[in-house]
Amino acid sequence: MSTRPEKHSLTLRGHRTSVSLEPEFWQAFRAIAAEKDIPINALAAEIDEARGVDRGLASAIRVYVLNHYRDGAKIPQEF
């Protein structure tokens, strides 16, 4: 199952920030960025801009990854 979160640095709009995610989420996040043919920092910036003030960046990335794969599998949002 999941291991402990790993902290990695990202650059968002010229500023460095650290994000802690489980290795499985980092792997999926990198795969999505590669699929979209954009750098991981650019994808993180998109997610950061779209997230609400009540959600941290790590949580926003997890939800983005979940939704990406759920949408690909055509799983209804209520599940």
PDB file of N, CA and C in Angstrom:
ATOM      1  N   MET A   1       0.840  -1.171   0.000  1.00  0.00           N
ATOM      2  CA  MET A   1       0.000   0.000   0.000  1.00  0.00           C
ATOM      3  C   MET A   1       0.887   1.236   0.000  1.00  0.00           C
ATOM      4  N   SER A   2       0.336   2.368   0.322  1.00  0.00           N
ATOM      5  CA  SER A   2       1.092   3.618   0.291  1.00  0.00           C
ATOM      6  C   SER A   2       2.196   3.638   1.336  1.00  0.00           C
ATOM      7  N   THR A   3       3.232   4.330   0.992  1.00  0.00           N
ATOM      8  CA  THR A   3       4.315   4.564   1.944  1.00  0.00           C
ATOM      9  C   THR A   3       4.192   5.999   2.432  1.00  0.00           C
ATOM     10  N   ARG A   4       5.142   6.404   3.224  1.00  0.00           N
ATOM     11  CA  ARG A   4       5.120   7.757   3.785  1.00  0.00           C
ATOM     12  C   ARG A   4       5.245   8.801   2.680  1.00  0.00           C
ATOM     13  N   PRO A   5       4.621   9.960   2.867  1.00  0.00           N
ATOM     14  CA  PRO A   5       4.744  11.035   1.872  1.00  0.00           C
ATOM     15  C   PRO A   5       6.200  11.455   1.695  1.00  0.00           C
ATOM     16  N   GLU A   6       6.509  11.837   0.457  1.00  0.00           N
ATOM     17  CA  GLU A   6       7.839  12.341   0.119  1.00  0.00           C
ATOM     18  C   GLU A   6       7.712  13.816  -0.224  1.00  0.00           C
ATOM     19  N   LYS A   7       8.641  14.616   0.267  1.00  0.00           N
ATOM     20  CA  LYS A   7       8.626  16.049   0.011  1.00  0.00           C
ATOM     21  C   LYS A   7       9.487  16.344  -1.213  1.00  0.00           C
ATOM     22  N   HIS A   8       8.925  17.101  -2.139  1.00  0.00           N
ATOM     23  CA  HIS A   8       9.640  17.547  -3.336  1.00  0.00           C
ATOM     24  C   HIS A   8       9.404  19.036  -3.512  1.00  0.00           C
ATOM     25  N   SER A   9      10.363  19.706  -4.111  1.00  0.00           N
ATOM     26  CA  SER A   9      10.234  21.133  -4.386  1.00  0.00           C
ATOM     27  C   SER A   9       9.660  21.344  -5.780  1.00  0.00           C
ATOM     28  N   LEU A  10       8.779  22.308  -5.885  1.00  0.00           N
ATOM     29  CA  LEU A  10       8.207  22.730  -7.154  1.00  0.00           C
ATOM     30  C   LEU A  10       8.403  24.229  -7.281  1.00  0.00           C
ATOM     31  N   THR A  11       8.405  24.713  -8.509  1.00  0.00           N
ATOM     32  CA  THR A  11       8.484  26.145  -8.754  1.00  0.00           C
ATOM     33  C   THR A  11       7.173  26.589  -9.381  1.00  0.00           C
ATOM     34  N   LEU A  12       6.457  27.461  -8.681  1.00  0.00           N
ATOM     35  CA  LEU A  12       5.180  27.979  -9.153  1.00  0.00           C
ATOM     36  C   LEU A  12       5.305  29.477  -9.367  1.00  0.00           C
ATOM     37  N   ARG A  13       5.193  29.889 -10.626  1.00  0.00           N
ATOM     38  CA  ARG A  13       5.293  31.310 -10.979  1.00  0.00           C
ATOM     39  C   ARG A  13       6.547  31.959 -10.377  1.00  0.00           C
ATOM     40  N   GLY A  14       7.668  31.249 -10.479  1.00  0.00           N
ATOM     41  CA  GLY A  14       8.941  31.781 -10.031  1.00  0.00           C
ATOM     42  C   GLY A  14       9.265  31.612  -8.554  1.00  0.00           C
ATOM     43  N   HIS A  15       8.369  31.011  -7.803  1.00  0.00           N
ATOM     44  CA  HIS A  15       8.582  30.815  -6.371  1.00  0.00           C
ATOM     45  C   HIS A  15       8.667  29.334  -6.052  1.00  0.00           C
ATOM     46  N   ARG A  16       9.634  28.969  -5.228  1.00  0.00           N
ATOM     47  CA  ARG A  16       9.810  27.578  -4.818  1.00  0.00           C
ATOM     48  C   ARG A  16       8.850  27.253  -3.678  1.00  0.00           C
ATOM     49  N   THR A  17       8.294  26.052  -3.732  1.00  0.00           N
ATOM     50  CA  THR A  17       7.441  25.562  -2.654  1.00  0.00           C
ATOM     51  C   THR A  17       7.670  24.066  -2.525  1.00  0.00           C
ATOM     52  N   SER A  18       7.438  23.531  -1.354  1.00  0.00           N
ATOM     53  CA  SER A  18       7.579  22.103  -1.122  1.00  0.00           C
ATOM     54  C   SER A  18       6.205  21.474  -1.000  1.00  0.00           C
ATOM     55  N   VAL A  19       6.083  20.289  -1.580  1.00  0.00           N
ATOM     56  CA  VAL A  19       4.826  19.550  -1.530  1.00  0.00           C
ATOM     57  C   VAL A  19       5.143  18.124  -1.097  1.00  0.00           C
ATOM     58  N   SER A  20       4.369  17.622  -0.149  1.00  0.00           N
ATOM     59  CA  SER A  20       4.530  16.245   0.316  1.00  0.00           C
ATOM     60  C   SER A  20       3.385  15.398  -0.224  1.00  0.00           C
ATOM     61  N   LEU A  21       3.742  14.374  -0.993  1.00  0.00           N
ATOM     62  CA  LEU A  21       2.786  13.414  -1.541  1.00  0.00           C
ATOM     63  C   LEU A  21       3.348  12.009  -1.397  1.00  0.00           C
ATOM     64  N   GLU A  22       2.470  11.046  -1.349  1.00  0.00           N
ATOM     65  CA  GLU A  22       2.890   9.656  -1.348  1.00  0.00           C
ATOM     66  C   GLU A  22       3.534   9.347  -2.708  1.00  0.00           C
ATOM     67  N   PRO A  23       4.496   8.419  -2.737  1.00  0.00           N
ATOM     68  CA  PRO A  23       5.190   8.102  -3.994  1.00  0.00           C
ATOM     69  C   PRO A  23       4.242   7.746  -5.134  1.00  0.00           C
ATOM     70  N   GLU A  24       3.146   7.077  -4.817  1.00  0.00           N
ATOM     71  CA  GLU A  24       2.184   6.706  -5.857  1.00  0.00           C
ATOM     72  C   GLU A  24       1.555   7.937  -6.505  1.00  0.00           C
ATOM     73  N   PHE A  25       1.301   8.972  -5.704  1.00  0.00           N
ATOM     74  CA  PHE A  25       0.746  10.202  -6.262  1.00  0.00           C
ATOM     75  C   PHE A  25       1.793  10.958  -7.074  1.00  0.00           C
ATOM     76  N   TRP A  26       3.046  10.963  -6.620  1.00  0.00           N
ATOM     77  CA  TRP A  26       4.101  11.599  -7.415  1.00  0.00           C
ATOM     78  C   TRP A  26       4.217  10.906  -8.768  1.00  0.00           C
ATOM     79  N   GLN A  27       4.198   9.597  -8.765  1.00  0.00           N
ATOM     80  CA  GLN A  27       4.319   8.833 -10.011  1.00  0.00           C
ATOM     81  C   GLN A  27       3.155   9.161 -10.947  1.00  0.00           C
ATOM     82  N   ALA A  28       1.937   9.152 -10.433  1.00  0.00           N
ATOM     83  CA  ALA A  28       0.768   9.452 -11.251  1.00  0.00           C
ATOM     84  C   ALA A  28       0.794  10.901 -11.733  1.00  0.00           C
ATOM     85  N   PHE A  29       1.198  11.814 -10.875  1.00  0.00           N
ATOM     86  CA  PHE A  29       1.271  13.238 -11.227  1.00  0.00           C
ATOM     87  C   PHE A  29       2.269  13.450 -12.356  1.00  0.00           C
ATOM     88  N   ARG A  30       3.423  12.814 -12.272  1.00  0.00           N
ATOM     89  CA  ARG A  30       4.429  12.914 -13.338  1.00  0.00           C
ATOM     90  C   ARG A  30       3.902  12.300 -14.640  1.00  0.00           C
ATOM     91  N   ALA A  31       3.187  11.184 -14.530  1.00  0.00           N
ATOM     92  CA  ALA A  31       2.633  10.530 -15.718  1.00  0.00           C
ATOM     93  C   ALA A  31       1.609  11.430 -16.408  1.00  0.00           C
ATOM     94  N   ILE A  32       0.784  12.103 -15.639  1.00  0.00           N
ATOM     95  CA  ILE A  32      -0.215  13.010 -16.212  1.00  0.00           C
ATOM     96  C   ILE A  32       0.479  14.172 -16.920  1.00  0.00           C
ATOM     97  N   ALA A  33       1.493  14.743 -16.290  1.00  0.00           N
ATOM     98  CA  ALA A  33       2.242  15.843 -16.914  1.00  0.00           C
ATOM     99  C   ALA A  33       2.875  15.372 -18.225  1.00  0.00           C
ATOM    100  N   ALA A  34       3.442  14.174 -18.228  1.00  0.00           N
ATOM    101  CA  ALA A  34       4.046  13.627 -19.453  1.00  0.00           C
ATOM    102  C   ALA A  34       2.984  13.397 -20.524  1.00  0.00           C
ATOM    103  N   GLU A  35       1.838  12.885 -20.117  1.00  0.00           N
ATOM    104  CA  GLU A  35       0.727  12.650 -21.043  1.00  0.00           C
ATOM    105  C   GLU A  35       0.271  13.958 -21.693  1.00  0.00           C
ATOM    106  N   LYS A  36       0.262  15.030 -20.902  1.00  0.00           N
ATOM    107  CA  LYS A  36      -0.146  16.341 -21.406  1.00  0.00           C
ATOM    108  C   LYS A  36       1.016  17.063 -22.103  1.00  0.00           C
ATOM    109  N   ASP A  37       2.212  16.478 -22.029  1.00  0.00           N
ATOM    110  CA  ASP A  37       3.420  17.041 -22.625  1.00  0.00           C
ATOM    111  C   ASP A  37       3.726  18.437 -22.080  1.00  0.00           C
ATOM    112  N   ILE A  38       3.599  18.562 -20.749  1.00  0.00           N
ATOM    113  CA  ILE A  38       3.952  19.812 -20.077  1.00  0.00           C
ATOM    114  C   ILE A  38       4.833  19.487 -18.872  1.00  0.00           C
ATOM    115  N   PRO A  39       5.662  20.429 -18.457  1.00  0.00           N
ATOM    116  CA  PRO A  39       6.486  20.191 -17.268  1.00  0.00           C
ATOM    117  C   PRO A  39       5.617  20.038 -16.015  1.00  0.00           C
ATOM    118  N   ILE A  40       6.101  19.286 -15.060  1.00  0.00           N
ATOM    119  CA  ILE A  40       5.359  19.066 -13.816  1.00  0.00           C
ATOM    120  C   ILE A  40       5.100  20.388 -13.094  1.00  0.00           C
ATOM    121  N   ASN A  41       6.039  21.331 -13.174  1.00  0.00           N
ATOM    122  CA  ASN A  41       5.828  22.633 -12.536  1.00  0.00           C
ATOM    123  C   ASN A  41       4.679  23.394 -13.188  1.00  0.00           C
ATOM    124  N   ALA A  42       4.523  23.267 -14.503  1.00  0.00           N
ATOM    125  CA  ALA A  42       3.421  23.942 -15.198  1.00  0.00           C
ATOM    126  C   ALA A  42       2.082  23.342 -14.786  1.00  0.00           C
ATOM    127  N   LEU A  43       2.024  22.014 -14.678  1.00  0.00           N
ATOM    128  CA  LEU A  43       0.793  21.369 -14.242  1.00  0.00           C
ATOM    129  C   LEU A  43       0.473  21.757 -12.799  1.00  0.00           C
ATOM    130  N   ALA A  44       1.485  21.792 -11.953  1.00  0.00           N
ATOM    131  CA  ALA A  44       1.273  22.203 -10.562  1.00  0.00           C
ATOM    132  C   ALA A  44       0.758  23.637 -10.494  1.00  0.00           C
ATOM    133  N   ALA A  45       1.270  24.508 -11.348  1.00  0.00           N
ATOM    134  CA  ALA A  45       0.818  25.905 -11.365  1.00  0.00           C
ATOM    135  C   ALA A  45      -0.650  25.989 -11.782  1.00  0.00           C
ATOM    136  N   GLU A  46      -1.049  25.176 -12.773  1.00  0.00           N
ATOM    137  CA  GLU A  46      -2.457  25.143 -13.190  1.00  0.00           C
ATOM    138  C   GLU A  46      -3.359  24.714 -12.035  1.00  0.00           C
ATOM    139  N   ILE A  47      -2.944  23.661 -11.355  1.00  0.00           N
ATOM    140  CA  ILE A  47      -3.722  23.154 -10.225  1.00  0.00           C
ATOM    141  C   ILE A  47      -3.771  24.196  -9.111  1.00  0.00           C
ATOM    142  N   ASP A  48      -2.639  24.838  -8.853  1.00  0.00           N
ATOM    143  CA  ASP A  48      -2.566  25.852  -7.803  1.00  0.00           C
ATOM    144  C   ASP A  48      -3.519  27.015  -8.094  1.00  0.00           C
ATOM    145  N   GLU A  49      -3.584  27.436  -9.350  1.00  0.00           N
ATOM    146  CA  GLU A  49      -4.458  28.546  -9.722  1.00  0.00           C
ATOM    147  C   GLU A  49      -5.930  28.173  -9.579  1.00  0.00           C
ATOM    148  N   ALA A  50      -6.260  26.900  -9.813  1.00  0.00           N
ATOM    149  CA  ALA A  50      -7.658  26.464  -9.794  1.00  0.00           C
ATOM    150  C   ALA A  50      -8.159  26.065  -8.406  1.00  0.00           C
ATOM    151  N   ARG A  51      -7.243  25.833  -7.472  1.00  0.00           N
ATOM    152  CA  ARG A  51      -7.671  25.343  -6.158  1.00  0.00           C
ATOM    153  C   ARG A  51      -8.305  26.450  -5.333  1.00  0.00           C
ATOM    154  N   GLY A  52      -9.143  26.053  -4.433  1.00  0.00           N
ATOM    155  CA  GLY A  52      -9.756  27.025  -3.531  1.00  0.00           C
ATOM    156  C   GLY A  52      -8.820  27.352  -2.385  1.00  0.00           C
ATOM    157  N   VAL A  53      -9.150  28.402  -1.671  1.00  0.00           N
ATOM    158  CA  VAL A  53      -8.314  28.813  -0.543  1.00  0.00           C
ATOM    159  C   VAL A  53      -8.432  27.852   0.631  1.00  0.00           C
ATOM    160  N   ASP A  54      -9.453  27.000   0.622  1.00  0.00           N
ATOM    161  CA  ASP A  54      -9.655  26.057   1.726  1.00  0.00           C
ATOM    162  C   ASP A  54      -8.965  24.715   1.502  1.00  0.00           C
ATOM    163  N   ARG A  55      -8.208  24.602   0.409  1.00  0.00           N
ATOM    164  CA  ARG A  55      -7.527  23.342   0.109  1.00  0.00           C
ATOM    165  C   ARG A  55      -6.047  23.615  -0.126  1.00  0.00           C
ATOM    166  N   GLY A  56      -5.192  22.835   0.514  1.00  0.00           N
ATOM    167  CA  GLY A  56      -3.762  22.959   0.298  1.00  0.00           C
ATOM    168  C   GLY A  56      -3.358  22.403  -1.055  1.00  0.00           C
ATOM    169  N   LEU A  57      -2.152  22.748  -1.496  1.00  0.00           N
ATOM    170  CA  LEU A  57      -1.682  22.312  -2.802  1.00  0.00           C
ATOM    171  C   LEU A  57      -1.565  20.793  -2.882  1.00  0.00           C
ATOM    172  N   ALA A  58      -1.050  20.141  -1.840  1.00  0.00           N
ATOM    173  CA  ALA A  58      -0.916  18.684  -1.868  1.00  0.00           C
ATOM    174  C   ALA A  58      -2.287  18.022  -2.031  1.00  0.00           C
ATOM    175  N   SER A  59      -3.272  18.493  -1.294  1.00  0.00           N
ATOM    176  CA  SER A  59      -4.626  17.949  -1.417  1.00  0.00           C
ATOM    177  C   SER A  59      -5.191  18.203  -2.805  1.00  0.00           C
ATOM    178  N   ALA A  60      -4.955  19.392  -3.336  1.00  0.00           N
ATOM    179  CA  ALA A  60      -5.445  19.728  -4.668  1.00  0.00           C
ATOM    180  C   ALA A  60      -4.822  18.815  -5.723  1.00  0.00           C
ATOM    181  N   ILE A  61      -3.542  18.497  -5.583  1.00  0.00           N
ATOM    182  CA  ILE A  61      -2.884  17.587  -6.525  1.00  0.00           C
ATOM    183  C   ILE A  61      -3.479  16.188  -6.407  1.00  0.00           C
ATOM    184  N   ARG A  62      -3.690  15.708  -5.191  1.00  0.00           N
ATOM    185  CA  ARG A  62      -4.285  14.379  -5.008  1.00  0.00           C
ATOM    186  C   ARG A  62      -5.660  14.293  -5.671  1.00  0.00           C
ATOM    187  N   VAL A  63      -6.488  15.313  -5.440  1.00  0.00           N
ATOM    188  CA  VAL A  63      -7.834  15.331  -6.028  1.00  0.00           C
ATOM    189  C   VAL A  63      -7.736  15.404  -7.553  1.00  0.00           C
ATOM    190  N   TYR A  64      -6.808  16.188  -8.077  1.00  0.00           N
ATOM    191  CA  TYR A  64      -6.614  16.289  -9.522  1.00  0.00           C
ATOM    192  C   TYR A  64      -6.250  14.931 -10.110  1.00  0.00           C
ATOM    193  N   VAL A  65      -5.311  14.250  -9.478  1.00  0.00           N
ATOM    194  CA  VAL A  65      -4.900  12.914  -9.945  1.00  0.00           C
ATOM    195  C   VAL A  65      -6.080  11.955  -9.896  1.00  0.00           C
ATOM    196  N   LEU A  66      -6.795  11.942  -8.786  1.00  0.00           N
ATOM    197  CA  LEU A  66      -7.960  11.074  -8.650  1.00  0.00           C
ATOM    198  C   LEU A  66      -8.970  11.357  -9.755  1.00  0.00           C
ATOM    199  N   ASN A  67      -9.317  12.624  -9.955  1.00  0.00           N
ATOM    200  CA  ASN A  67     -10.294  12.983 -10.974  1.00  0.00           C
ATOM    201  C   ASN A  67      -9.817  12.627 -12.376  1.00  0.00           C
ATOM    202  N   HIS A  68      -8.535  12.814 -12.643  1.00  0.00           N
ATOM    203  CA  HIS A  68      -7.979  12.474 -13.960  1.00  0.00           C
ATOM    204  C   HIS A  68      -8.212  11.003 -14.280  1.00  0.00           C
ATOM    205  N   TYR A  69      -7.879  10.137 -13.348  1.00  0.00           N
ATOM    206  CA  TYR A  69      -8.029   8.705 -13.595  1.00  0.00           C
ATOM    207  C   TYR A  69      -9.481   8.260 -13.488  1.00  0.00           C
ATOM    208  N   ARG A  70     -10.244   8.876 -12.609  1.00  0.00           N
ATOM    209  CA  ARG A  70     -11.663   8.544 -12.497  1.00  0.00           C
ATOM    210  C   ARG A  70     -12.389   8.934 -13.790  1.00  0.00           C
ATOM    211  N   ASP A  71     -12.082  10.110 -14.325  1.00  0.00           N
ATOM    212  CA  ASP A  71     -12.695  10.546 -15.579  1.00  0.00           C
ATOM    213  C   ASP A  71     -12.313   9.621 -16.729  1.00  0.00           C
ATOM    214  N   GLY A  72     -11.061   9.175 -16.743  1.00  0.00           N
ATOM    215  CA  GLY A  72     -10.600   8.254 -17.776  1.00  0.00           C
ATOM    216  C   GLY A  72     -11.294   6.909 -17.701  1.00  0.00           C
ATOM    217  N   ALA A  73     -11.662   6.516 -16.492  1.00  0.00           N
ATOM    218  CA  ALA A  73     -12.356   5.242 -16.296  1.00  0.00           C
ATOM    219  C   ALA A  73     -13.868   5.414 -16.367  1.00  0.00           C
ATOM    220  N   LYS A  74     -14.305   6.672 -16.555  1.00  0.00           N
ATOM    221  CA  LYS A  74     -15.735   6.996 -16.627  1.00  0.00           C
ATOM    222  C   LYS A  74     -16.491   6.548 -15.381  1.00  0.00           C
ATOM    223  N   ILE A  75     -15.885   6.798 -14.218  1.00  0.00           N
ATOM    224  CA  ILE A  75     -16.514   6.484 -12.933  1.00  0.00           C
ATOM    225  C   ILE A  75     -17.299   7.716 -12.501  1.00  0.00           C
ATOM    226  N   PRO A  76     -18.556   7.564 -12.125  1.00  0.00           N
ATOM    227  CA  PRO A  76     -19.352   8.730 -11.693  1.00  0.00           C
ATOM    228  C   PRO A  76     -18.696   9.459 -10.527  1.00  0.00           C
ATOM    229  N   GLN A  77     -18.884  10.776 -10.475  1.00  0.00           N
ATOM    230  CA  GLN A  77     -18.280  11.611  -9.442  1.00  0.00           C
ATOM    231  C   GLN A  77     -18.718  11.243  -8.031  1.00  0.00           C
ATOM    232  N   GLU A  78     -19.911  10.673  -7.864  1.00  0.00           N
ATOM    233  CA  GLU A  78     -20.387  10.382  -6.513  1.00  0.00           C
ATOM    234  C   GLU A  78     -19.682   9.173  -5.877  1.00  0.00           C
ATOM    235  N   PHE A  79     -18.868   8.459  -6.643  1.00  0.00           N
ATOM    236  CA  PHE A  79     -18.144   7.311  -6.065  1.00  0.00           C
ATOM    237  C   PHE A  79     -16.818   7.748  -5.529  1.00  0.00           C
TER     238      PHE A  79
END
